[in-house]
Amino acid sequence: MTPFTAAHLASPIEIQRPPIIRFGSGTAATAGDWAKSKGARRILVVADAFNAARVETLNLSGEVAVFGEVRPEPDVPNLEAALRVAEDLRPDLVIGFGGGSAMDLAKLVAVLPNSGQSLHEVVGPEKVRAKQSLLAQVPTTAGTGSEAGTRALVTDPATQNKLAVQSFHMLADIAIVDPDLTLTLPAAVTAASGVDAMAHCVEAFTSKKAHPLIDIYAIEGVRLVGRFLARAIRDGSDVEARAGLCLASLYGGFCLGPVNTTSGHAVAYPLGTRHHVAHGAANALVFPHTLAFNAPAAPEKTRAVVEALGLSANGEADVFEATYRYCADLGCEMRLSALGVPRDDLPAMAREAHAIRRLLDNNPRDISENEIRAIYEAAY
């Protein structure tokens, strides 16, 4: 097999990041001062139920409304409920406060209400006409990197597919990354989120669209996960480990805009859309399979990934065994059957995953529908 050729140093690329990124313990409390400095008087916080109960952490003042009903893997009705609140409030500032689901909905809530555009009119790249309010993102997990990106995903219940909206207008005006907010994450969520951050970095690093400008963030993100994820799982109060994972997640977010993910996320998506498996858990289960599948097409980069995780492997089989054991030792569930996925659904899942061309077209190795199904079977 001929290895793919990624971009070289002179290849054009654009990286978009929030103009202000505040990182470190205690920074969440500065959200209120920033909001005041921008003259924001009507604020809408978009959060899940847990984070809705600790909005005071943000130290906000003025008229503050909270949409606290964000669901894992949010769907169109969940978004529509948030949009109704925003249409009534007409906020000056929208704050995404939670994991990737809350931050993705916040992006759409910042651009759609009273805009004259519907969700389906803006699906795809750069179809949003304007931002309707300021946007701040405050992550409370270390996995999605959504605080740094311009893409939002919601599930369409009619098709069970994810609708992807990408727009510069959905870039946060400020991202506040406070590792203290992640101290309460359970070990299982910490593990799955950390592997999600790693998957963003790995898939961008090995993508056909890989670029040296992004590679530096990608491989460092993998190293951070390799260094800190097991530590954070062992001791959730380890602030240095939590900060390391938050930085890995942020770097993964930097990777998503200009390069994006590949087969790992495409194969993982049907687990979430069809069976409501948490995104991080789905990525952890799929990760060893797709990394090993792609290894022949990107041998040097695969070796770098394995070494960055502190592992060793020679050949495709070793890559799979080493990374499977790594994820399993973190406590990730590695069997589809244990997640309640019915075996007779695997063909439909393979069909849906294979149709996600926006990701698979950048995979370093062509992957067929039958090969995706074989991954599901092997993971069952």
Protein backbone atom coordinates (compact mmCIF):
# COMPACT_ATOMS: atom_id res chain seq x y z
CA MET A 1 0.00 0.00 0.00
CA THR A 2 1.34 3.44 -0.92
CA PRO A 3 1.29 5.82 2.08
CA PHE A 4 -0.83 8.90 1.61
CA THR A 5 0.86 12.28 1.22
CA ALA A 6 -0.24 14.96 3.66
CA ALA A 7 0.13 18.69 3.16
CA HIS A 8 3.63 20.17 3.16
CA LEU A 9 4.77 23.36 4.85
CA ALA A 10 3.80 25.66 1.99
CA SER A 11 0.25 24.28 1.62
CA PRO A 12 -2.36 27.00 2.32
CA ILE A 13 -4.35 26.62 5.54
CA GLU A 14 -6.41 28.84 7.81
CA ILE A 15 -6.75 28.34 11.55
CA GLN A 16 -9.48 30.16 13.46
CA ARG A 17 -9.38 30.49 17.24
CA PRO A 18 -11.33 32.60 19.75
CA PRO A 19 -9.73 36.06 20.01
CA ILE A 20 -9.53 35.62 23.80
CA ILE A 21 -8.69 32.34 25.53
CA ARG A 22 -8.48 32.38 29.32
CA PHE A 23 -6.98 29.21 30.76
CA GLY A 24 -6.37 28.10 34.33
CA SER A 25 -7.83 27.51 37.76
CA GLY A 26 -10.40 30.09 38.84
CA THR A 27 -10.86 31.70 35.43
CA ALA A 28 -14.57 30.77 35.24
CA ALA A 29 -15.33 33.52 37.75
CA THR A 30 -14.00 36.12 35.30
CA ALA A 31 -16.91 35.53 32.88
CA GLY A 32 -19.01 38.15 34.66
CA ASP A 33 -16.36 40.86 34.42
CA TRP A 34 -15.87 40.13 30.72
CA ALA A 35 -19.63 40.31 30.14
CA LYS A 36 -19.77 43.68 31.90
CA SER A 37 -16.88 44.97 29.81
CA LYS A 38 -18.89 44.14 26.69
CA GLY A 39 -22.02 45.83 27.98
CA ALA A 40 -24.03 42.60 28.03
CA ARG A 41 -27.23 43.15 30.03
CA ARG A 42 -29.33 40.17 28.92
CA ILE A 43 -27.48 36.90 29.22
CA LEU A 44 -28.64 33.41 28.28
CA VAL A 45 -26.70 30.46 29.67
CA VAL A 46 -27.12 27.21 27.72
CA ALA A 47 -26.37 24.25 29.98
CA ASP A 48 -27.29 20.74 31.00
CA ALA A 49 -29.19 20.27 34.26
CA PHE A 50 -26.06 19.73 36.39
CA ASN A 51 -24.30 22.87 35.22
CA ALA A 52 -27.50 24.90 35.28
CA ALA A 53 -27.40 24.42 39.03
CA ARG A 54 -23.96 26.04 39.34
CA VAL A 55 -24.27 29.07 37.08
CA GLU A 56 -23.22 31.24 40.03
CA THR A 57 -19.68 30.00 39.33
CA LEU A 58 -19.61 32.39 36.37
CA ASN A 59 -20.17 35.44 38.59
CA LEU A 60 -22.73 36.98 36.22
CA SER A 61 -24.87 40.03 36.86
CA GLY A 62 -27.80 41.68 35.10
CA GLU A 63 -30.70 39.77 33.58
CA VAL A 64 -29.55 36.14 33.47
CA ALA A 65 -31.75 33.40 32.01
CA VAL A 66 -30.77 29.74 31.97
CA PHE A 67 -31.78 27.10 29.46
CA GLY A 68 -30.83 24.06 31.52
CA GLU A 69 -32.27 21.25 29.45
CA VAL A 70 -29.40 20.36 27.11
CA ARG A 71 -29.38 16.60 26.47
CA PRO A 72 -26.45 14.36 25.62
CA GLU A 73 -26.25 14.08 21.83
CA PRO A 74 -28.79 16.93 21.42
CA ASP A 75 -31.40 16.63 18.69
CA VAL A 76 -33.39 19.16 16.68
CA PRO A 77 -36.29 19.40 19.21
CA ASN A 78 -33.76 20.11 21.98
CA LEU A 79 -32.29 22.92 19.89
CA GLU A 80 -35.72 24.29 19.04
CA ALA A 81 -36.58 24.53 22.74
CA ALA A 82 -33.43 26.58 23.35
CA LEU A 83 -34.14 28.79 20.35
CA ARG A 84 -37.62 29.62 21.69
CA VAL A 85 -36.10 30.90 24.92
CA ALA A 86 -33.59 33.00 23.00
CA GLU A 87 -36.21 34.43 20.66
CA ASP A 88 -38.15 35.74 23.66
CA LEU A 89 -35.13 37.01 25.60
CA ARG A 90 -33.13 38.47 22.70
CA PRO A 91 -29.87 38.07 24.64
CA ASP A 92 -26.83 40.29 24.21
CA LEU A 93 -24.67 37.34 25.22
CA VAL A 94 -25.04 33.57 24.97
CA ILE A 95 -22.82 31.39 27.16
CA GLY A 96 -22.28 27.71 26.50
CA PHE A 97 -21.67 26.14 29.92
CA GLY A 98 -21.11 22.40 29.88
CA GLY A 99 -19.71 19.76 27.56
CA GLY A 100 -19.77 19.71 23.79
CA SER A 101 -23.55 19.37 23.62
CA ALA A 102 -24.14 22.62 25.53
CA MET A 103 -21.45 24.48 23.61
CA ASP A 104 -22.73 23.27 20.23
CA LEU A 105 -26.28 24.39 21.04
CA ALA A 106 -24.94 27.72 22.31
CA LYS A 107 -23.27 28.33 18.95
CA LEU A 108 -26.55 27.86 17.13
CA VAL A 109 -28.46 29.91 19.70
CA ALA A 110 -26.02 32.76 19.08
CA VAL A 111 -26.75 32.88 15.34
CA LEU A 112 -30.26 31.57 14.56
CA PRO A 113 -32.92 33.37 16.68
CA ASN A 114 -34.61 36.24 14.86
CA SER A 115 -32.14 35.81 11.98
CA GLY A 116 -34.62 34.77 9.27
CA GLN A 117 -32.61 31.56 8.78
CA SER A 118 -33.70 28.07 9.82
CA LEU A 119 -31.40 25.28 10.97
CA HIS A 120 -31.72 23.36 7.71
CA GLU A 121 -30.82 26.50 5.72
CA VAL A 122 -27.46 26.77 7.46
CA VAL A 123 -26.38 23.11 7.45
CA GLY A 124 -23.00 22.88 5.74
CA PRO A 125 -20.04 25.27 5.57
CA GLU A 126 -20.37 29.04 5.94
CA LYS A 127 -24.09 29.53 5.28
CA VAL A 128 -24.81 31.55 8.44
CA ARG A 129 -25.31 35.21 7.55
CA ALA A 130 -24.46 36.89 10.87
CA LYS A 131 -23.99 36.47 14.59
CA GLN A 132 -27.01 37.70 16.58
CA SER A 133 -25.31 37.95 19.99
CA LEU A 134 -21.94 37.69 21.67
CA LEU A 135 -20.82 34.13 22.42
CA ALA A 136 -18.77 32.86 25.34
CA GLN A 137 -17.85 29.21 25.83
CA VAL A 138 -17.01 27.72 29.23
CA PRO A 139 -16.33 23.97 29.01
CA THR A 140 -16.92 21.75 32.04
CA THR A 141 -15.53 18.57 30.46
CA ALA A 142 -12.17 17.90 28.82
CA GLY A 143 -12.93 16.19 25.56
CA THR A 144 -14.79 17.95 22.79
CA GLY A 145 -12.73 21.11 22.32
CA SER A 146 -15.95 22.73 21.11
CA GLU A 147 -14.99 25.98 22.85
CA ALA A 148 -12.32 26.54 20.20
CA GLY A 149 -14.25 25.61 17.07
CA THR A 150 -16.74 26.88 14.52
CA ARG A 151 -18.79 23.70 14.05
CA ALA A 152 -22.01 22.54 15.76
CA LEU A 153 -23.67 19.13 15.48
CA VAL A 154 -27.28 18.18 16.25
CA THR A 155 -29.11 14.95 15.48
CA ASP A 156 -32.05 14.93 13.07
CA PRO A 157 -34.58 12.46 14.56
CA ALA A 158 -36.13 11.90 11.14
CA THR A 159 -32.93 10.52 9.60
CA GLN A 160 -30.88 9.60 12.70
CA ASN A 161 -28.01 11.54 11.14
CA LYS A 162 -26.01 14.42 12.54
CA LEU A 163 -26.55 17.83 10.97
CA ALA A 164 -23.26 19.74 10.84
CA VAL A 165 -23.21 23.54 10.72
CA GLN A 166 -19.89 25.32 10.28
CA SER A 167 -19.53 29.07 10.40
CA PHE A 168 -16.98 31.67 11.44
CA HIS A 169 -19.92 33.49 13.03
CA MET A 170 -20.15 30.66 15.58
CA LEU A 171 -16.60 31.21 16.82
CA ALA A 172 -16.61 32.20 20.49
CA ASP A 173 -15.70 35.78 21.37
CA ILE A 174 -14.06 34.33 24.47
CA ALA A 175 -13.28 30.79 25.63
CA ILE A 176 -12.74 30.35 29.36
CA VAL A 177 -11.12 27.01 30.19
CA ASP A 178 -11.09 26.41 33.94
CA PRO A 179 -9.86 22.94 34.98
CA ASP A 180 -11.51 23.39 38.39
CA LEU A 181 -14.87 22.90 36.66
CA THR A 182 -13.84 19.36 35.68
CA LEU A 183 -12.92 18.18 39.19
CA THR A 184 -16.38 16.68 39.73
CA LEU A 185 -16.33 14.51 36.59
CA PRO A 186 -16.74 10.80 37.37
CA ALA A 187 -13.91 8.47 36.35
CA ALA A 188 -15.91 6.94 33.47
CA VAL A 189 -16.74 10.35 31.99
CA THR A 190 -13.15 11.50 32.48
CA ALA A 191 -11.92 8.44 30.57
CA ALA A 192 -14.36 8.72 27.68
CA SER A 193 -13.87 12.49 27.36
CA GLY A 194 -10.10 12.15 27.41
CA VAL A 195 -10.16 9.55 24.67
CA ASP A 196 -12.45 11.83 22.64
CA ALA A 197 -9.89 14.64 22.90
CA MET A 198 -7.17 12.20 21.88
CA ALA A 199 -9.25 10.97 18.94
CA HIS A 200 -9.64 14.53 17.61
CA CYS A 201 -5.87 14.92 17.71
CA VAL A 202 -5.06 11.48 16.29
CA GLU A 203 -7.53 11.70 13.42
CA ALA A 204 -6.35 15.18 12.45
CA PHE A 205 -2.72 14.04 12.68
CA THR A 206 -3.29 11.10 10.33
CA SER A 207 -5.83 12.78 8.00
CA LYS A 208 -5.27 13.37 4.30
CA LYS A 209 -5.71 17.04 5.21
CA ALA A 210 -3.04 16.88 7.94
CA HIS A 211 -0.83 19.99 7.98
CA PRO A 212 2.35 20.87 9.91
CA LEU A 213 0.59 23.89 11.43
CA ILE A 214 -1.95 21.56 13.05
CA ASP A 215 0.35 18.57 13.60
CA ILE A 216 2.12 20.37 16.44
CA TYR A 217 -1.16 20.76 18.36
CA ALA A 218 -2.31 17.27 17.44
CA ILE A 219 0.69 15.28 18.64
CA GLU A 220 1.07 17.41 21.78
CA GLY A 221 -2.59 16.78 22.56
CA VAL A 222 -1.95 13.04 22.34
CA ARG A 223 1.09 13.37 24.61
CA LEU A 224 -0.95 15.28 27.19
CA VAL A 225 -3.60 12.56 27.23
CA GLY A 226 -0.93 9.89 27.55
CA ARG A 227 0.65 11.74 30.47
CA PHE A 228 -2.42 12.87 32.39
CA LEU A 229 -5.54 10.81 31.63
CA ALA A 230 -4.75 7.81 33.84
CA ARG A 231 -3.69 10.21 36.61
CA ALA A 232 -7.00 12.08 36.49
CA ILE A 233 -8.94 8.83 36.57
CA ARG A 234 -6.99 7.62 39.63
CA ASP A 235 -7.38 10.93 41.45
CA GLY A 236 -10.10 13.27 40.23
CA SER A 237 -8.81 16.06 42.49
CA ASP A 238 -5.43 16.17 40.72
CA VAL A 239 -5.64 19.71 39.34
CA GLU A 240 -2.48 19.42 37.25
CA ALA A 241 -3.83 16.30 35.53
CA ARG A 242 -7.19 17.99 34.98
CA ALA A 243 -5.45 21.02 33.48
CA GLY A 244 -3.42 18.78 31.19
CA LEU A 245 -6.58 17.17 29.86
CA CYS A 246 -8.25 20.57 29.41
CA LEU A 247 -5.26 21.67 27.34
CA ALA A 248 -5.40 18.45 25.27
CA SER A 249 -9.08 19.08 24.63
CA LEU A 250 -8.39 22.68 23.59
CA TYR A 251 -5.66 21.53 21.20
CA GLY A 252 -8.07 18.96 19.78
CA GLY A 253 -10.50 21.81 19.16
CA PHE A 254 -7.79 23.67 17.23
CA CYS A 255 -7.47 20.56 15.02
CA LEU A 256 -11.17 20.31 14.18
CA GLY A 257 -11.67 23.46 12.12
CA PRO A 258 -8.94 23.34 9.47
CA VAL A 259 -8.47 19.53 9.38
CA ASN A 260 -11.31 17.74 11.23
CA THR A 261 -11.73 14.06 12.06
CA THR A 262 -11.85 10.97 9.85
CA SER A 263 -13.00 7.35 10.12
CA GLY A 264 -12.96 7.13 13.93
CA HIS A 265 -15.70 9.69 14.34
CA ALA A 266 -17.65 8.49 11.30
CA VAL A 267 -17.76 4.94 12.69
CA ALA A 268 -18.62 6.23 16.18
CA TYR A 269 -21.48 8.54 15.17
CA PRO A 270 -24.20 5.88 14.62
CA LEU A 271 -23.65 4.66 18.18
CA GLY A 272 -24.78 8.06 19.41
CA THR A 273 -27.49 8.89 16.91
CA ARG A 274 -29.15 5.45 16.90
CA HIS A 275 -28.44 4.15 20.40
CA HIS A 276 -27.64 7.25 22.46
CA VAL A 277 -24.18 6.04 23.44
CA ALA A 278 -22.24 9.01 24.83
CA HIS A 279 -19.94 10.46 22.18
CA GLY A 280 -16.76 9.97 24.18
CA ALA A 281 -17.64 6.37 25.02
CA ALA A 282 -18.34 5.64 21.35
CA ASN A 283 -15.01 7.11 20.29
CA ALA A 284 -13.13 5.12 22.93
CA LEU A 285 -14.67 1.86 21.72
CA VAL A 286 -13.90 2.57 18.06
CA PHE A 287 -10.45 4.15 18.48
CA PRO A 288 -8.20 1.01 18.49
CA HIS A 289 -10.03 -0.45 15.48
CA THR A 290 -9.72 2.58 13.20
CA LEU A 291 -6.17 3.47 14.28
CA ALA A 292 -5.04 -0.07 13.42
CA PHE A 293 -7.01 -0.05 10.15
CA ASN A 294 -5.30 3.17 9.07
CA ALA A 295 -1.84 2.16 10.27
CA PRO A 296 -0.63 0.73 6.92
CA ALA A 297 -1.43 4.03 5.20
CA ALA A 298 0.20 6.21 7.86
CA PRO A 299 2.85 4.03 9.52
CA GLU A 300 5.19 6.77 10.77
CA LYS A 301 2.43 8.90 12.23
CA THR A 302 0.75 5.87 13.79
CA ARG A 303 4.06 5.00 15.45
CA ALA A 304 4.30 8.58 16.76
CA VAL A 305 0.78 8.33 18.21
CA VAL A 306 1.51 5.04 19.96
CA GLU A 307 4.75 6.43 21.41
CA ALA A 308 3.03 9.66 22.53
CA LEU A 309 0.62 7.53 24.56
CA GLY A 310 3.56 5.83 26.23
CA LEU A 311 2.92 2.53 24.43
CA SER A 312 4.92 0.37 22.04
CA ALA A 313 3.74 -1.60 19.02
CA ASN A 314 5.18 -3.25 15.93
CA GLY A 315 2.72 -3.80 13.13
CA GLU A 316 -1.03 -3.41 12.71
CA ALA A 317 -1.97 -6.19 15.15
CA ASP A 318 0.27 -4.74 17.86
CA VAL A 319 -1.22 -1.27 17.31
CA PHE A 320 -4.67 -2.68 17.92
CA GLU A 321 -3.69 -4.74 20.97
CA ALA A 322 -1.75 -1.91 22.61
CA THR A 323 -4.42 0.75 22.15
CA TYR A 324 -7.29 -1.63 22.98
CA ARG A 325 -5.58 -2.53 26.23
CA TYR A 326 -4.88 1.16 26.90
CA CYS A 327 -8.58 2.11 26.57
CA ALA A 328 -9.77 -0.93 28.50
CA ASP A 329 -7.34 -0.21 31.35
CA LEU A 330 -8.82 3.30 31.58
CA GLY A 331 -12.18 1.66 32.30
CA CYS A 332 -13.74 2.28 28.88
CA GLU A 333 -16.35 -0.24 27.72
CA MET A 334 -14.95 -1.90 24.61
CA ARG A 335 -17.88 -4.14 23.58
CA LEU A 336 -20.87 -2.96 21.58
CA SER A 337 -23.03 -5.69 23.10
CA ALA A 338 -22.45 -4.28 26.59
CA LEU A 339 -23.73 -0.89 25.39
CA GLY A 340 -27.08 -2.35 24.34
CA VAL A 341 -26.48 -2.19 20.59
CA PRO A 342 -28.46 -4.98 18.86
CA ARG A 343 -26.39 -7.08 16.49
CA ASP A 344 -28.99 -6.92 13.72
CA ASP A 345 -28.50 -3.14 13.62
CA LEU A 346 -24.86 -3.37 12.53
CA PRO A 347 -25.55 -3.35 8.75
CA ALA A 348 -27.62 -0.17 9.00
CA MET A 349 -24.98 1.44 11.21
CA ALA A 350 -22.28 0.56 8.67
CA ARG A 351 -24.37 2.05 5.88
CA GLU A 352 -24.88 5.29 7.79
CA ALA A 353 -21.22 5.57 8.82
CA HIS A 354 -20.04 4.97 5.25
CA ALA A 355 -22.27 7.80 4.03
CA ILE A 356 -20.47 10.40 6.19
CA ARG A 357 -18.26 11.53 3.34
CA ARG A 358 -17.27 14.87 4.94
CA LEU A 359 -15.10 12.75 7.27
CA LEU A 360 -14.34 9.57 5.34
CA ASP A 361 -13.10 11.37 2.24
CA ASN A 362 -10.17 12.57 4.35
CA ASN A 363 -9.37 9.20 5.88
CA PRO A 364 -5.80 8.14 5.01
CA ARG A 365 -7.06 4.79 3.74
CA ASP A 366 -10.25 4.04 1.81
CA ILE A 367 -12.71 2.16 4.00
CA SER A 368 -15.68 0.30 2.55
CA GLU A 369 -19.09 -0.29 4.07
CA ASN A 370 -18.18 -3.95 4.57
CA GLU A 371 -14.96 -2.99 6.35
CA ILE A 372 -16.91 -0.70 8.69
CA ARG A 373 -19.32 -3.53 9.39
CA ALA A 374 -16.35 -5.80 10.12
CA ILE A 375 -15.15 -3.26 12.71
CA TYR A 376 -18.56 -3.32 14.38
CA GLU A 377 -18.55 -7.12 14.35
CA ALA A 378 -15.08 -7.26 15.85
CA ALA A 379 -16.16 -4.78 18.54
CA TYR A 380 -19.37 -6.60 19.34
